[in-house]
Amino acid sequence: MALKEVIALIDAEIATLKQARALLAASSAVTVAKRKPGRPRKVQRDSPKVTTRKKKRNLSAEGRARIAEAARKRWAAQKKAAK
């Protein structure tokens, strides 16, 4: 290789490096907000979770009476078996 070719290649490399440096300097010009001391805030999600409450289930008087009667029968059977 001739000396002039080597110098041309080095100049081309320097030009590409200067371009890359300019791009990096431009992108670093955008400053990132510094963090403040303390606990970071919660991140807001795009779609908040929809919370649905379970429907409260009420027991009718008739149902309560049937359960009470069944319990009485169970207790009577246990007492009878214990004797």
PDB file of N, CA and C in Angstrom:
ATOM      1  N   MET A   1       0.841  -1.180   0.000  1.00  0.00           N
ATOM      2  CA  MET A   1       0.000   0.000   0.000  1.00  0.00           C
ATOM      3  C   MET A   1       0.888   1.245   0.000  1.00  0.00           C
ATOM      4  N   ALA A   2       0.399   2.186  -0.678  1.00  0.00           N
ATOM      5  CA  ALA A   2       1.141   3.432  -0.736  1.00  0.00           C
ATOM      6  C   ALA A   2       0.814   4.255   0.502  1.00  0.00           C
ATOM      7  N   LEU A   3       1.714   5.125   0.818  1.00  0.00           N
ATOM      8  CA  LEU A   3       1.566   5.963   1.997  1.00  0.00           C
ATOM      9  C   LEU A   3       0.315   6.834   1.895  1.00  0.00           C
ATOM     10  N   LYS A   4      -0.003   7.312   0.716  1.00  0.00           N
ATOM     11  CA  LYS A   4      -1.171   8.162   0.530  1.00  0.00           C
ATOM     12  C   LYS A   4      -2.466   7.382   0.785  1.00  0.00           C
ATOM     13  N   GLU A   5      -2.489   6.103   0.405  1.00  0.00           N
ATOM     14  CA  GLU A   5      -3.676   5.270   0.633  1.00  0.00           C
ATOM     15  C   GLU A   5      -3.898   5.051   2.133  1.00  0.00           C
ATOM     16  N   VAL A   6      -2.824   4.805   2.863  1.00  0.00           N
ATOM     17  CA  VAL A   6      -2.917   4.584   4.312  1.00  0.00           C
ATOM     18  C   VAL A   6      -3.438   5.849   4.987  1.00  0.00           C
ATOM     19  N   ILE A   7      -2.899   7.005   4.571  1.00  0.00           N
ATOM     20  CA  ILE A   7      -3.339   8.271   5.152  1.00  0.00           C
ATOM     21  C   ILE A   7      -4.816   8.517   4.830  1.00  0.00           C
ATOM     22  N   ALA A   8      -5.260   8.169   3.619  1.00  0.00           N
ATOM     23  CA  ALA A   8      -6.662   8.345   3.226  1.00  0.00           C
ATOM     24  C   ALA A   8      -7.565   7.447   4.075  1.00  0.00           C
ATOM     25  N   LEU A   9      -7.132   6.213   4.306  1.00  0.00           N
ATOM     26  CA  LEU A   9      -7.913   5.295   5.146  1.00  0.00           C
ATOM     27  C   LEU A   9      -8.005   5.809   6.586  1.00  0.00           C
ATOM     28  N   ILE A  10      -6.894   6.324   7.108  1.00  0.00           N
ATOM     29  CA  ILE A  10      -6.891   6.847   8.475  1.00  0.00           C
ATOM     30  C   ILE A  10      -7.815   8.061   8.562  1.00  0.00           C
ATOM     31  N   ASP A  11      -7.768   8.932   7.548  1.00  0.00           N
ATOM     32  CA  ASP A  11      -8.646  10.096   7.540  1.00  0.00           C
ATOM     33  C   ASP A  11     -10.121   9.685   7.492  1.00  0.00           C
ATOM     34  N   ALA A  12     -10.427   8.661   6.703  1.00  0.00           N
ATOM     35  CA  ALA A  12     -11.803   8.175   6.619  1.00  0.00           C
ATOM     36  C   ALA A  12     -12.256   7.620   7.970  1.00  0.00           C
ATOM     37  N   GLU A  13     -11.359   6.885   8.618  1.00  0.00           N
ATOM     38  CA  GLU A  13     -11.675   6.328   9.936  1.00  0.00           C
ATOM     39  C   GLU A  13     -11.895   7.455  10.945  1.00  0.00           C
ATOM     40  N   ILE A  14     -11.066   8.470  10.917  1.00  0.00           N
ATOM     41  CA  ILE A  14     -11.207   9.613  11.819  1.00  0.00           C
ATOM     42  C   ILE A  14     -12.549  10.303  11.574  1.00  0.00           C
ATOM     43  N   ALA A  15     -12.935  10.442  10.308  1.00  0.00           N
ATOM     44  CA  ALA A  15     -14.208  11.090   9.978  1.00  0.00           C
ATOM     45  C   ALA A  15     -15.378  10.294  10.536  1.00  0.00           C
ATOM     46  N   THR A  16     -15.346   8.956  10.409  1.00  0.00           N
ATOM     47  CA  THR A  16     -16.443   8.143  10.948  1.00  0.00           C
ATOM     48  C   THR A  16     -16.468   8.199  12.467  1.00  0.00           C
ATOM     49  N   LEU A  17     -15.289   8.230  13.105  1.00  0.00           N
ATOM     50  CA  LEU A  17     -15.239   8.324  14.564  1.00  0.00           C
ATOM     51  C   LEU A  17     -15.779   9.669  15.046  1.00  0.00           C
ATOM     52  N   LYS A  18     -15.467  10.753  14.309  1.00  0.00           N
ATOM     53  CA  LYS A  18     -15.986  12.067  14.680  1.00  0.00           C
ATOM     54  C   LYS A  18     -17.507  12.094  14.554  1.00  0.00           C
ATOM     55  N   GLN A  19     -18.015  11.434  13.517  1.00  0.00           N
ATOM     56  CA  GLN A  19     -19.473  11.355  13.326  1.00  0.00           C
ATOM     57  C   GLN A  19     -20.120  10.604  14.491  1.00  0.00           C
ATOM     58  N   ALA A  20     -19.525   9.484  14.853  1.00  0.00           N
ATOM     59  CA  ALA A  20     -20.059   8.690  15.954  1.00  0.00           C
ATOM     60  C   ALA A  20     -20.022   9.478  17.256  1.00  0.00           C
ATOM     61  N   ARG A  21     -18.906  10.223  17.464  1.00  0.00           N
ATOM     62  CA  ARG A  21     -18.786  11.037  18.671  1.00  0.00           C
ATOM     63  C   ARG A  21     -19.849  12.124  18.706  1.00  0.00           C
ATOM     64  N   ALA A  22     -20.130  12.735  17.573  1.00  0.00           N
ATOM     65  CA  ALA A  22     -21.149  13.777  17.511  1.00  0.00           C
ATOM     66  C   ALA A  22     -22.525  13.212  17.831  1.00  0.00           C
ATOM     67  N   LEU A  23     -22.816  12.013  17.322  1.00  0.00           N
ATOM     68  CA  LEU A  23     -24.097  11.371  17.614  1.00  0.00           C
ATOM     69  C   LEU A  23     -24.231  11.053  19.100  1.00  0.00           C
ATOM     70  N   LEU A  24     -23.152  10.534  19.670  1.00  0.00           N
ATOM     71  CA  LEU A  24     -23.194  10.199  21.096  1.00  0.00           C
ATOM     72  C   LEU A  24     -23.321  11.454  21.950  1.00  0.00           C
ATOM     73  N   ALA A  25     -22.640  12.505  21.578  1.00  0.00           N
ATOM     74  CA  ALA A  25     -22.719  13.752  22.338  1.00  0.00           C
ATOM     75  C   ALA A  25     -24.125  14.330  22.253  1.00  0.00           C
ATOM     76  N   ALA A  26     -24.775  14.205  21.087  1.00  0.00           N
ATOM     77  CA  ALA A  26     -26.130  14.724  20.926  1.00  0.00           C
ATOM     78  C   ALA A  26     -27.117  13.925  21.766  1.00  0.00           C
ATOM     79  N   SER A  27     -26.928  12.610  21.808  1.00  0.00           N
ATOM     80  CA  SER A  27     -27.872  11.786  22.578  1.00  0.00           C
ATOM     81  C   SER A  27     -27.657  11.954  24.071  1.00  0.00           C
ATOM     82  N   SER A  28     -26.425  12.269  24.490  1.00  0.00           N
ATOM     83  CA  SER A  28     -26.194  12.475  25.924  1.00  0.00           C
ATOM     84  C   SER A  28     -26.629  13.859  26.353  1.00  0.00           C
ATOM     85  N   ALA A  29     -26.926  14.730  25.377  1.00  0.00           N
ATOM     86  CA  ALA A  29     -27.404  16.067  25.716  1.00  0.00           C
ATOM     87  C   ALA A  29     -28.786  15.992  26.343  1.00  0.00           C
ATOM     88  N   VAL A  30     -29.538  14.945  25.992  1.00  0.00           N
ATOM     89  CA  VAL A  30     -30.846  14.734  26.607  1.00  0.00           C
ATOM     90  C   VAL A  30     -30.578  14.252  28.027  1.00  0.00           C
ATOM     91  N   THR A  31     -30.902  15.086  28.987  1.00  0.00           N
ATOM     92  CA  THR A  31     -30.590  14.745  30.370  1.00  0.00           C
ATOM     93  C   THR A  31     -31.699  13.898  30.969  1.00  0.00           C
ATOM     94  N   VAL A  32     -31.293  12.964  31.741  1.00  0.00           N
ATOM     95  CA  VAL A  32     -32.228  12.114  32.461  1.00  0.00           C
ATOM     96  C   VAL A  32     -32.488  12.767  33.802  1.00  0.00           C
ATOM     97  N   ALA A  33     -33.735  12.819  34.201  1.00  0.00           N
ATOM     98  CA  ALA A  33     -34.087  13.443  35.474  1.00  0.00           C
ATOM     99  C   ALA A  33     -33.414  12.678  36.606  1.00  0.00           C
ATOM    100  N   LYS A  34     -32.774  13.428  37.485  1.00  0.00           N
ATOM    101  CA  LYS A  34     -32.097  12.783  38.605  1.00  0.00           C
ATOM    102  C   LYS A  34     -33.130  12.315  39.607  1.00  0.00           C
ATOM    103  N   ARG A  35     -32.826  11.207  40.218  1.00  0.00           N
ATOM    104  CA  ARG A  35     -33.741  10.655  41.209  1.00  0.00           C
ATOM    105  C   ARG A  35     -33.633  11.431  42.499  1.00  0.00           C
ATOM    106  N   LYS A  36     -34.769  11.632  43.112  1.00  0.00           N
ATOM    107  CA  LYS A  36     -34.809  12.306  44.399  1.00  0.00           C
ATOM    108  C   LYS A  36     -34.616  11.260  45.488  1.00  0.00           C
ATOM    109  N   PRO A  37     -34.170  11.667  46.649  1.00  0.00           N
ATOM    110  CA  PRO A  37     -34.002  10.696  47.733  1.00  0.00           C
ATOM    111  C   PRO A  37     -35.356  10.191  48.217  1.00  0.00           C
ATOM    112  N   GLY A  38     -35.372   8.972  48.680  1.00  0.00           N
ATOM    113  CA  GLY A  38     -36.594   8.399  49.230  1.00  0.00           C
ATOM    114  C   GLY A  38     -37.135   7.288  48.359  1.00  0.00           C
ATOM    115  N   ARG A  39     -38.246   6.787  48.766  1.00  0.00           N
ATOM    116  CA  ARG A  39     -38.871   5.669  48.070  1.00  0.00           C
ATOM    117  C   ARG A  39     -39.482   6.142  46.759  1.00  0.00           C
ATOM    118  N   PRO A  40     -39.257   5.388  45.664  1.00  0.00           N
ATOM    119  CA  PRO A  40     -39.846   5.808  44.385  1.00  0.00           C
ATOM    120  C   PRO A  40     -41.358   5.662  44.385  1.00  0.00           C
ATOM    121  N   ARG A  41     -42.011   6.497  43.580  1.00  0.00           N
ATOM    122  CA  ARG A  41     -43.467   6.448  43.497  1.00  0.00           C
ATOM    123  C   ARG A  41     -43.914   5.201  42.778  1.00  0.00           C
ATOM    124  N   LYS A  42     -45.157   4.811  43.038  1.00  0.00           N
ATOM    125  CA  LYS A  42     -45.726   3.662  42.342  1.00  0.00           C
ATOM    126  C   LYS A  42     -45.924   4.020  40.887  1.00  0.00           C
ATOM    127  N   VAL A  43     -45.707   3.054  40.018  1.00  0.00           N
ATOM    128  CA  VAL A  43     -45.881   3.291  38.589  1.00  0.00           C
ATOM    129  C   VAL A  43     -47.352   3.100  38.242  1.00  0.00           C
ATOM    130  N   GLN A  44     -47.931   4.084  37.563  1.00  0.00           N
ATOM    131  CA  GLN A  44     -49.325   3.973  37.144  1.00  0.00           C
ATOM    132  C   GLN A  44     -49.401   3.061  35.925  1.00  0.00           C
ATOM    133  N   ARG A  45     -50.250   2.090  35.971  1.00  0.00           N
ATOM    134  CA  ARG A  45     -50.424   1.194  34.838  1.00  0.00           C
ATOM    135  C   ARG A  45     -51.386   1.815  33.843  1.00  0.00           C
ATOM    136  N   ASP A  46     -51.270   1.376  32.592  1.00  0.00           N
ATOM    137  CA  ASP A  46     -52.134   1.916  31.550  1.00  0.00           C
ATOM    138  C   ASP A  46     -53.593   1.597  31.819  1.00  0.00           C
ATOM    139  N   SER A  47     -53.882   0.370  32.158  1.00  0.00           N
ATOM    140  CA  SER A  47     -55.269  -0.009  32.432  1.00  0.00           C
ATOM    141  C   SER A  47     -55.357  -0.474  33.888  1.00  0.00           C
ATOM    142  N   PRO A  48     -56.004   0.300  34.747  1.00  0.00           N
ATOM    143  CA  PRO A  48     -56.087  -0.085  36.155  1.00  0.00           C
ATOM    144  C   PRO A  48     -56.930  -1.347  36.317  1.00  0.00           C
ATOM    145  N   LYS A  49     -56.583  -2.098  37.331  1.00  0.00           N
ATOM    146  CA  LYS A  49     -57.292  -3.341  37.605  1.00  0.00           C
ATOM    147  C   LYS A  49     -58.718  -3.033  38.041  1.00  0.00           C
ATOM    148  N   VAL A  50     -59.654  -3.728  37.474  1.00  0.00           N
ATOM    149  CA  VAL A  50     -61.047  -3.538  37.851  1.00  0.00           C
ATOM    150  C   VAL A  50     -61.345  -4.544  38.957  1.00  0.00           C
ATOM    151  N   THR A  51     -61.690  -4.028  40.127  1.00  0.00           N
ATOM    152  CA  THR A  51     -61.989  -4.917  41.239  1.00  0.00           C
ATOM    153  C   THR A  51     -63.494  -5.034  41.387  1.00  0.00           C
ATOM    154  N   THR A  52     -63.958  -6.247  41.410  1.00  0.00           N
ATOM    155  CA  THR A  52     -65.391  -6.484  41.589  1.00  0.00           C
ATOM    156  C   THR A  52     -65.573  -7.205  42.909  1.00  0.00           C
ATOM    157  N   ARG A  53     -66.500  -6.727  43.674  1.00  0.00           N
ATOM    158  CA  ARG A  53     -66.788  -7.375  44.943  1.00  0.00           C
ATOM    159  C   ARG A  53     -67.652  -8.596  44.692  1.00  0.00           C
ATOM    160  N   LYS A  54     -67.413  -9.608  45.511  1.00  0.00           N
ATOM    161  CA  LYS A  54     -68.269 -10.774  45.425  1.00  0.00           C
ATOM    162  C   LYS A  54     -69.645 -10.409  45.964  1.00  0.00           C
ATOM    163  N   LYS A  55     -70.644 -10.928  45.322  1.00  0.00           N
ATOM    164  CA  LYS A  55     -72.004 -10.651  45.758  1.00  0.00           C
ATOM    165  C   LYS A  55     -72.229 -11.320  47.111  1.00  0.00           C
ATOM    166  N   LYS A  56     -72.758 -10.552  48.055  1.00  0.00           N
ATOM    167  CA  LYS A  56     -73.011 -11.082  49.383  1.00  0.00           C
ATOM    168  C   LYS A  56     -74.174 -12.057  49.310  1.00  0.00           C
ATOM    169  N   ARG A  57     -73.950 -13.223  49.879  1.00  0.00           N
ATOM    170  CA  ARG A  57     -74.985 -14.247  49.815  1.00  0.00           C
ATOM    171  C   ARG A  57     -75.727 -14.280  51.144  1.00  0.00           C
ATOM    172  N   ASN A  58     -77.032 -14.133  51.078  1.00  0.00           N
ATOM    173  CA  ASN A  58     -77.857 -14.144  52.275  1.00  0.00           C
ATOM    174  C   ASN A  58     -78.597 -15.467  52.374  1.00  0.00           C
ATOM    175  N   LEU A  59     -78.697 -15.934  53.594  1.00  0.00           N
ATOM    176  CA  LEU A  59     -79.375 -17.203  53.844  1.00  0.00           C
ATOM    177  C   LEU A  59     -80.819 -16.901  54.238  1.00  0.00           C
ATOM    178  N   SER A  60     -81.730 -17.606  53.630  1.00  0.00           N
ATOM    179  CA  SER A  60     -83.139 -17.370  53.955  1.00  0.00           C
ATOM    180  C   SER A  60     -83.457 -17.985  55.317  1.00  0.00           C
ATOM    181  N   ALA A  61     -84.564 -17.558  55.875  1.00  0.00           N
ATOM    182  CA  ALA A  61     -84.978 -18.086  57.188  1.00  0.00           C
ATOM    183  C   ALA A  61     -85.249 -19.582  57.079  1.00  0.00           C
ATOM    184  N   GLU A  62     -85.831 -19.994  55.962  1.00  0.00           N
ATOM    185  CA  GLU A  62     -86.122 -21.419  55.759  1.00  0.00           C
ATOM    186  C   GLU A  62     -84.816 -22.221  55.705  1.00  0.00           C
ATOM    187  N   GLY A  63     -83.829 -21.710  55.009  1.00  0.00           N
ATOM    188  CA  GLY A  63     -82.537 -22.399  54.915  1.00  0.00           C
ATOM    189  C   GLY A  63     -81.858 -22.495  56.263  1.00  0.00           C
ATOM    190  N   ARG A  64     -81.914 -21.401  57.022  1.00  0.00           N
ATOM    191  CA  ARG A  64     -81.336 -21.397  58.361  1.00  0.00           C
ATOM    192  C   ARG A  64     -82.014 -22.440  59.243  1.00  0.00           C
ATOM    193  N   ALA A  65     -83.347 -22.546  59.150  1.00  0.00           N
ATOM    194  CA  ALA A  65     -84.100 -23.514  59.963  1.00  0.00           C
ATOM    195  C   ALA A  65     -83.704 -24.943  59.591  1.00  0.00           C
ATOM    196  N   ARG A  66     -83.534 -25.192  58.283  1.00  0.00           N
ATOM    197  CA  ARG A  66     -83.140 -26.550  57.868  1.00  0.00           C
ATOM    198  C   ARG A  66     -81.755 -26.916  58.390  1.00  0.00           C
ATOM    199  N   ILE A  67     -80.840 -25.957  58.351  1.00  0.00           N
ATOM    200  CA  ILE A  67     -79.483 -26.221  58.847  1.00  0.00           C
ATOM    201  C   ILE A  67     -79.519 -26.474  60.354  1.00  0.00           C
ATOM    202  N   ALA A  68     -80.307 -25.678  61.077  1.00  0.00           N
ATOM    203  CA  ALA A  68     -80.404 -25.854  62.530  1.00  0.00           C
ATOM    204  C   ALA A  68     -80.993 -27.217  62.867  1.00  0.00           C
ATOM    205  N   GLU A  69     -82.023 -27.623  62.137  1.00  0.00           N
ATOM    206  CA  GLU A  69     -82.646 -28.937  62.383  1.00  0.00           C
ATOM    207  C   GLU A  69     -81.662 -30.074  62.107  1.00  0.00           C
ATOM    208  N   ALA A  70     -80.905 -29.953  61.023  1.00  0.00           N
ATOM    209  CA  ALA A  70     -79.911 -30.985  60.699  1.00  0.00           C
ATOM    210  C   ALA A  70     -78.844 -31.053  61.786  1.00  0.00           C
ATOM    211  N   ALA A  71     -78.440 -29.906  62.322  1.00  0.00           N
ATOM    212  CA  ALA A  71     -77.431 -29.888  63.384  1.00  0.00           C
ATOM    213  C   ALA A  71     -77.973 -30.553  64.642  1.00  0.00           C
ATOM    214  N   ARG A  72     -79.228 -30.259  64.961  1.00  0.00           N
ATOM    215  CA  ARG A  72     -79.839 -30.901  66.145  1.00  0.00           C
ATOM    216  C   ARG A  72     -79.870 -32.414  65.988  1.00  0.00           C
ATOM    217  N   LYS A  73     -80.209 -32.896  64.791  1.00  0.00           N
ATOM    218  CA  LYS A  73     -80.245 -34.348  64.549  1.00  0.00           C
ATOM    219  C   LYS A  73     -78.851 -34.950  64.707  1.00  0.00           C
ATOM    220  N   ARG A  74     -77.818 -34.237  64.189  1.00  0.00           N
ATOM    221  CA  ARG A  74     -76.441 -34.729  64.310  1.00  0.00           C
ATOM    222  C   ARG A  74     -76.032 -34.813  65.774  1.00  0.00           C
ATOM    223  N   TRP A  75     -76.348 -33.755  66.552  1.00  0.00           N
ATOM    224  CA  TRP A  75     -75.980 -33.752  67.962  1.00  0.00           C
ATOM    225  C   TRP A  75     -76.706 -34.859  68.711  1.00  0.00           C
ATOM    226  N   ALA A  76     -77.982 -35.069  68.372  1.00  0.00           N
ATOM    227  CA  ALA A  76     -78.743 -36.130  69.029  1.00  0.00           C
ATOM    228  C   ALA A  76     -78.128 -37.499  68.726  1.00  0.00           C
ATOM    229  N   ALA A  77     -77.710 -37.677  67.477  1.00  0.00           N
ATOM    230  CA  ALA A  77     -77.097 -38.954  67.114  1.00  0.00           C
ATOM    231  C   ALA A  77     -75.771 -39.154  67.853  1.00  0.00           C
ATOM    232  N   GLN A  78     -75.001 -38.084  67.985  1.00  0.00           N
ATOM    233  CA  GLN A  78     -73.723 -38.199  68.701  1.00  0.00           C
ATOM    234  C   GLN A  78     -73.941 -38.511  70.182  1.00  0.00           C
ATOM    235  N   LYS A  79     -74.949 -37.851  70.790  1.00  0.00           N
ATOM    236  CA  LYS A  79     -75.251 -38.104  72.202  1.00  0.00           C
ATOM    237  C   LYS A  79     -75.719 -39.538  72.404  1.00  0.00           C
ATOM    238  N   LYS A  80     -76.549 -40.007  71.462  1.00  0.00           N
ATOM    239  CA  LYS A  80     -77.054 -41.380  71.538  1.00  0.00           C
ATOM    240  C   LYS A  80     -75.926 -42.385  71.423  1.00  0.00           C
ATOM    241  N   ALA A  81     -74.970 -42.100  70.521  1.00  0.00           N
ATOM    242  CA  ALA A  81     -73.837 -43.007  70.333  1.00  0.00           C
ATOM    243  C   ALA A  81     -72.911 -42.984  71.534  1.00  0.00           C
ATOM    244  N   ALA A  82     -72.827 -41.869  72.222  1.00  0.00           N
ATOM    245  CA  ALA A  82     -71.942 -41.732  73.379  1.00  0.00           C
ATOM    246  C   ALA A  82     -72.467 -42.531  74.565  1.00  0.00           C
ATOM    247  N   LYS A  83     -73.777 -42.735  74.673  1.00  0.00           N
ATOM    248  CA  LYS A  83     -74.364 -43.449  75.805  1.00  0.00           C
ATOM    249  C   LYS A  83     -74.158 -44.900  75.734  1.00  0.00           C
TER     250      LYS A  83
END
